[in-house]
């Protein structure tokens, strides 16, 4: 037979029991508490419930960083444009919250089809896939889609895509941000030809993914303009890039510096963040777009 507890033993037992109840309640509360205030900006990392909250926090504004897979001289990775534009976009989204779409590299790069590793999708697929992607983004609450261009070869494709949104009604607006470096300012550059895999692009990669930069290889090929085509000003042909830069290298990556990359990357991040803020505040574009759609159904009624 168990002897009866004295008053001291009883009190100790009661305290231990109470502590157990409190600890259990604290554990239950921790399991059921709301998610942390800081949400991931990565579309693919959010749960379903967090995605809904993310769209709410971003006011229906989403980023689509647009890169490419192509050769970048002898010293930079094939995904340089994709890696850099995502780095800038993700950091911008952390400054001005928005949801960032996963890796996207299905753009225009026919001029590099002769180089290993290039992924050059057909023009039909490029436009169809981009349209379905923005349509699906909008269906999921992204009524303001900002495409951040990280590849020079998309500079004609993306404005055309944005313009083509007027062909039929959409309940969202496509915006294009097409600049990755300031026109002036920052550390003085050493080179005059600074385009593909050159001083600026190599400098930015030193910031975003320094482990993928091979500066010792930068001079193993020439990035000089070959001037192999002589046509009058104002005449365009698709072979122009290959005629000038057949090795898909335009500039001198060996001239790159950490200081230049930091200046340009910080400018890019800040510019994207400011653009996101401006787009969140834009309450005019969709109204005008809808007005245009309505008028376009009966053009004879448009006041002349």
Protein backbone atom coordinates (compact mmCIF):
# COMPACT_ATOMS: atom_id res chain seq x y z
CA UNK A 1 0.00 0.00 0.00
CA UNK A 2 1.39 3.41 -1.03
CA UNK A 3 1.86 5.69 1.95
CA UNK A 4 -0.05 9.00 1.84
CA UNK A 5 1.95 12.07 0.63
CA UNK A 6 2.83 14.77 3.10
CA UNK A 7 1.99 18.43 2.32
CA UNK A 8 5.45 19.18 0.91
CA UNK A 9 5.39 16.23 -1.50
CA UNK A 10 1.90 17.16 -2.59
CA UNK A 11 2.90 20.74 -3.39
CA UNK A 12 5.95 19.60 -5.36
CA UNK A 13 3.79 17.19 -7.37
CA UNK A 14 1.23 19.90 -8.10
CA UNK A 15 3.92 22.32 -9.29
CA UNK A 16 5.44 19.68 -11.58
CA UNK A 17 2.02 18.87 -13.00
CA UNK A 18 1.30 22.56 -13.64
CA UNK A 19 4.67 23.00 -15.37
CA UNK A 20 3.88 20.07 -17.61
CA UNK A 21 0.53 21.53 -18.57
CA UNK A 22 2.08 24.94 -19.30
CA UNK A 23 4.89 23.43 -21.40
CA UNK A 24 2.39 21.39 -23.37
CA UNK A 25 0.23 24.44 -23.99
CA UNK A 26 3.28 26.43 -25.10
CA UNK A 27 4.25 23.68 -27.56
CA UNK A 28 0.72 23.55 -28.96
CA UNK A 29 0.66 27.34 -29.32
CA UNK A 30 3.98 27.26 -31.18
CA UNK A 31 2.62 24.67 -33.59
CA UNK A 32 -0.54 26.66 -34.33
CA UNK A 33 0.93 30.18 -34.37
CA UNK A 34 0.78 32.29 -37.53
CA UNK A 35 3.69 32.23 -40.01
CA UNK A 36 6.58 34.67 -39.49
CA UNK A 37 6.14 38.26 -40.62
CA UNK A 38 8.88 37.96 -43.23
CA UNK A 39 7.66 35.90 -46.17
CA UNK A 40 9.87 34.37 -48.81
CA UNK A 41 9.76 36.28 -52.08
CA UNK A 42 10.28 33.04 -54.04
CA UNK A 43 7.06 31.87 -55.71
CA UNK A 44 8.20 28.23 -55.51
CA UNK A 45 9.04 28.37 -51.79
CA UNK A 46 5.62 29.55 -50.58
CA UNK A 47 2.93 27.20 -49.34
CA UNK A 48 -0.55 27.60 -50.78
CA UNK A 49 -1.74 29.67 -47.82
CA UNK A 50 1.44 31.75 -47.78
CA UNK A 51 1.13 32.36 -51.53
CA UNK A 52 -2.30 33.90 -50.96
CA UNK A 53 -0.81 36.12 -48.27
CA UNK A 54 2.14 36.96 -50.53
CA UNK A 55 -0.15 38.12 -53.34
CA UNK A 56 -2.05 40.23 -50.81
CA UNK A 57 1.15 41.79 -49.49
CA UNK A 58 2.44 42.48 -53.00
CA UNK A 59 -0.89 44.09 -53.96
CA UNK A 60 -1.15 41.71 -56.91
CA UNK A 61 2.23 42.77 -58.30
CA UNK A 62 4.63 39.99 -59.37
CA UNK A 63 8.09 39.88 -60.92
CA UNK A 64 9.10 37.73 -63.87
CA UNK A 65 12.91 37.90 -64.19
CA UNK A 66 13.73 36.98 -67.79
CA UNK A 67 17.17 35.56 -68.60
CA UNK A 68 18.64 33.25 -71.23
CA UNK A 69 21.04 30.33 -71.63
CA UNK A 70 23.95 31.25 -73.94
CA UNK A 71 27.71 31.50 -74.11
CA UNK A 72 29.16 34.48 -72.24
CA UNK A 73 32.70 34.75 -73.49
CA UNK A 74 35.30 32.25 -72.30
CA UNK A 75 35.04 33.23 -68.62
CA UNK A 76 31.38 33.47 -67.54
CA UNK A 77 28.68 30.79 -67.09
CA UNK A 78 26.01 30.06 -69.71
CA UNK A 79 23.33 31.29 -67.34
CA UNK A 80 24.91 34.68 -66.62
CA UNK A 81 21.84 36.69 -67.70
CA UNK A 82 19.47 34.44 -65.78
CA UNK A 83 21.62 34.41 -62.64
CA UNK A 84 22.16 38.17 -62.61
CA UNK A 85 18.56 39.17 -63.29
CA UNK A 86 17.27 36.82 -60.60
CA UNK A 87 19.84 38.10 -58.10
CA UNK A 88 18.78 41.69 -58.74
CA UNK A 89 15.05 40.88 -58.76
CA UNK A 90 15.11 38.80 -55.58
CA UNK A 91 17.02 41.47 -53.67
CA UNK A 92 14.68 44.15 -54.99
CA UNK A 93 11.66 42.11 -53.89
CA UNK A 94 13.07 41.93 -50.38
CA UNK A 95 13.23 45.74 -50.33
CA UNK A 96 9.76 46.22 -51.86
CA UNK A 97 7.82 43.00 -51.26
CA UNK A 98 6.60 41.16 -54.32
CA UNK A 99 6.37 37.54 -55.43
CA UNK A 100 9.12 36.45 -57.85
CA UNK A 101 8.37 33.83 -60.50
CA UNK A 102 10.79 30.86 -60.84
CA UNK A 103 13.66 30.63 -63.36
CA UNK A 104 12.59 31.73 -66.85
CA UNK A 105 14.96 31.59 -69.83
CA UNK A 106 12.77 30.91 -72.88
CA UNK A 107 13.70 33.97 -74.91
CA UNK A 108 15.32 35.09 -78.15
CA UNK A 109 18.88 33.84 -78.72
CA UNK A 110 19.03 32.57 -82.31
CA UNK A 111 22.30 34.47 -82.84
CA UNK A 112 24.10 32.07 -80.47
CA UNK A 113 22.86 28.76 -81.86
CA UNK A 114 26.37 27.98 -83.10
CA UNK A 115 27.77 28.06 -79.53
CA UNK A 116 27.64 25.05 -77.15
CA UNK A 117 24.99 25.05 -74.43
CA UNK A 118 22.70 27.60 -76.07
CA UNK A 119 18.95 27.01 -75.66
CA UNK A 120 17.22 28.69 -78.62
CA UNK A 121 13.47 28.06 -78.63
CA UNK A 122 11.30 28.69 -81.70
CA UNK A 123 9.70 32.11 -82.06
CA UNK A 124 6.24 30.52 -81.86
CA UNK A 125 7.06 28.81 -78.57
CA UNK A 126 8.71 31.90 -77.11
CA UNK A 127 5.59 34.02 -77.54
CA UNK A 128 3.11 31.25 -76.72
CA UNK A 129 4.92 30.22 -73.55
CA UNK A 130 5.36 33.78 -72.34
CA UNK A 131 1.67 34.51 -72.96
CA UNK A 132 0.53 31.42 -71.11
CA UNK A 133 2.94 32.17 -68.29
CA UNK A 134 1.64 35.70 -67.74
CA UNK A 135 -1.94 34.46 -68.18
CA UNK A 136 -1.36 31.84 -65.47
CA UNK A 137 0.32 34.38 -63.22
CA UNK A 138 -2.72 36.61 -63.59
CA UNK A 139 -5.09 33.71 -62.90
CA UNK A 140 -3.22 33.30 -59.63
CA UNK A 141 -3.73 36.93 -58.63
CA UNK A 142 -0.83 38.71 -60.36
CA UNK A 143 -2.75 41.53 -62.01
CA UNK A 144 0.42 43.57 -62.49
CA UNK A 145 3.21 41.52 -64.07
CA UNK A 146 6.60 43.21 -64.25
CA UNK A 147 8.99 41.45 -66.63
CA UNK A 148 12.57 42.34 -65.70
CA UNK A 149 14.77 41.80 -68.73
CA UNK A 150 18.26 40.47 -68.13
CA UNK A 151 19.21 39.68 -71.73
CA UNK A 152 19.93 42.13 -74.55
CA UNK A 153 18.52 39.75 -77.16
CA UNK A 154 15.06 40.17 -75.60
CA UNK A 155 15.07 43.95 -76.03
CA UNK A 156 12.88 43.77 -79.16
CA UNK A 157 10.88 40.69 -78.16
CA UNK A 158 9.55 42.04 -74.87
CA UNK A 159 8.20 45.42 -76.03
CA UNK A 160 6.48 43.57 -78.89
CA UNK A 161 5.00 41.11 -76.40
CA UNK A 162 3.73 43.96 -74.23
CA UNK A 163 2.24 45.69 -77.27
CA UNK A 164 0.54 42.47 -78.36
CA UNK A 165 -1.48 42.45 -75.13
CA UNK A 166 -3.77 44.93 -76.86
CA UNK A 167 -4.80 42.32 -79.43
CA UNK A 168 -7.43 40.90 -77.09
CA UNK A 169 -8.72 41.69 -73.59
CA UNK A 170 -6.67 40.79 -70.53
CA UNK A 171 -7.57 41.49 -66.92
CA UNK A 172 -3.97 42.34 -66.06
CA UNK A 173 -1.19 44.65 -67.24
CA UNK A 174 2.27 43.65 -68.48
CA UNK A 175 5.08 46.04 -67.61
CA UNK A 176 8.66 45.76 -68.95
CA UNK A 177 11.80 46.95 -67.15
CA UNK A 178 14.56 46.82 -69.73
CA UNK A 179 17.61 48.45 -68.11
CA UNK A 180 20.31 46.72 -66.07
CA UNK A 181 22.87 49.50 -65.60
CA UNK A 182 22.80 53.31 -65.28
CA UNK A 183 23.70 55.45 -68.26
CA UNK A 184 26.39 57.22 -66.25
CA UNK A 185 28.03 57.42 -62.87
CA UNK A 186 30.04 55.05 -60.74
CA UNK A 187 33.63 53.90 -61.15
CA UNK A 188 35.14 54.92 -64.47
CA UNK A 189 35.19 52.08 -66.99
CA UNK A 190 38.39 51.01 -68.69
CA UNK A 191 36.91 49.79 -71.98
CA UNK A 192 35.01 51.42 -74.84
CA UNK A 193 33.40 48.21 -76.14
CA UNK A 194 31.39 46.88 -73.20
CA UNK A 195 28.50 44.72 -74.32
CA UNK A 196 28.32 40.95 -74.03
CA UNK A 197 30.44 39.35 -71.25
CA UNK A 198 32.45 42.58 -71.13
CA UNK A 199 33.57 44.80 -68.28
CA UNK A 200 30.13 45.58 -66.83
CA UNK A 201 28.55 42.15 -67.14
CA UNK A 202 31.61 40.45 -65.69
CA UNK A 203 31.71 42.98 -62.84
CA UNK A 204 28.07 42.29 -61.91
CA UNK A 205 28.68 38.55 -61.96
CA UNK A 206 31.51 39.16 -59.47
CA UNK A 207 28.78 40.35 -57.12
CA UNK A 208 25.99 37.87 -57.80
CA UNK A 209 28.02 34.66 -58.29
CA UNK A 210 31.75 35.29 -57.91
CA UNK A 211 32.45 31.58 -57.68
CA UNK A 212 31.38 31.17 -61.33
CA UNK A 213 33.69 33.85 -62.76
CA UNK A 214 36.98 32.78 -64.38
CA UNK A 215 38.93 36.03 -64.92
CA UNK A 216 42.06 34.11 -65.96
CA UNK A 217 40.20 32.93 -69.09
CA UNK A 218 38.84 36.34 -70.12
CA UNK A 219 41.69 37.08 -72.56
CA UNK A 220 41.75 33.63 -74.18
CA UNK A 221 39.32 34.92 -76.87
CA UNK A 222 38.90 38.31 -78.49
CA UNK A 223 35.82 40.39 -77.80
CA UNK A 224 36.72 42.99 -80.42
CA UNK A 225 34.30 44.11 -83.13
CA UNK A 226 35.17 42.21 -86.34
CA UNK A 227 33.33 44.65 -88.69
CA UNK A 228 32.59 41.90 -91.21
CA UNK A 229 29.48 43.55 -92.65
CA UNK A 230 29.27 46.95 -94.35
CA UNK A 231 25.75 48.25 -94.83
CA UNK A 232 24.26 51.75 -94.77
CA UNK A 233 23.01 53.18 -91.49
CA UNK A 234 19.41 52.25 -90.79
CA UNK A 235 19.66 48.85 -92.50
CA UNK A 236 19.05 45.86 -90.22
CA UNK A 237 19.79 42.18 -90.80
CA UNK A 238 19.60 39.30 -88.34
CA UNK A 239 23.20 38.29 -88.94
CA UNK A 240 24.56 41.64 -87.67
CA UNK A 241 25.67 40.30 -84.28
CA UNK A 242 27.47 37.28 -85.72
CA UNK A 243 29.12 39.54 -88.29
CA UNK A 244 30.56 41.73 -85.56
CA UNK A 245 31.13 39.29 -82.67
CA UNK A 246 31.36 35.71 -84.01
CA UNK A 247 32.76 34.33 -80.74
CA UNK A 248 29.74 35.70 -78.85
CA UNK A 249 31.97 37.96 -76.81
CA UNK A 250 31.85 41.76 -77.01
CA UNK A 251 34.27 43.57 -74.76
CA UNK A 252 36.98 42.62 -72.31
CA UNK A 253 35.97 40.80 -69.16
CA UNK A 254 39.49 41.09 -67.79
CA UNK A 255 38.79 44.78 -67.10
CA UNK A 256 36.01 43.96 -64.63
CA UNK A 257 36.19 45.14 -61.02
CA UNK A 258 34.27 44.39 -57.85
CA UNK A 259 33.65 48.12 -57.37
CA UNK A 260 31.97 48.54 -60.77
CA UNK A 261 29.86 45.44 -60.22
CA UNK A 262 28.73 46.59 -56.78
CA UNK A 263 27.74 50.03 -58.10
CA UNK A 264 25.80 48.67 -61.08
CA UNK A 265 24.14 45.84 -59.16
CA UNK A 266 23.01 48.15 -56.35
CA UNK A 267 21.62 50.57 -58.95
CA UNK A 268 19.76 47.70 -60.64
CA UNK A 269 18.29 46.43 -57.36
CA UNK A 270 17.19 49.90 -56.25
CA UNK A 271 15.70 50.67 -59.68
CA UNK A 272 13.65 47.47 -59.72
CA UNK A 273 12.42 48.10 -56.17
CA UNK A 274 11.36 51.67 -57.09
CA UNK A 275 9.63 50.36 -60.21
CA UNK A 276 7.70 47.80 -58.17
CA UNK A 277 6.56 50.54 -55.78
CA UNK A 278 5.43 52.70 -58.70
CA UNK A 279 3.54 49.82 -60.30
CA UNK A 280 1.78 49.03 -57.03
CA UNK A 281 0.55 52.63 -57.00
CA UNK A 282 -0.52 52.57 -60.66
CA UNK A 283 -4.33 52.69 -60.84
CA UNK A 284 -4.48 54.08 -64.38
CA UNK A 285 -3.00 51.51 -66.79
CA UNK A 286 -5.65 48.82 -66.32
CA UNK A 287 -8.47 51.37 -66.57
CA UNK A 288 -7.07 52.74 -69.84
CA UNK A 289 -6.48 49.23 -71.12
CA UNK A 290 -10.11 48.29 -70.46
CA UNK A 291 -11.27 51.54 -72.08
CA UNK A 292 -9.20 50.68 -75.14
CA UNK A 293 -10.62 47.13 -75.31
CA UNK A 294 -14.15 48.49 -75.22
CA UNK A 295 -13.52 51.09 -77.93
CA UNK A 296 -11.74 48.60 -80.15
CA UNK A 297 -14.94 46.53 -80.45
CA UNK A 298 -16.71 49.39 -82.27
CA UNK A 299 -14.06 51.60 -83.91
CA UNK A 300 -16.61 53.49 -86.03
CA UNK A 301 -17.95 55.05 -82.87
CA UNK A 302 -14.57 56.46 -81.87
CA UNK A 303 -14.69 60.26 -82.07
CA UNK A 304 -12.69 61.62 -85.00
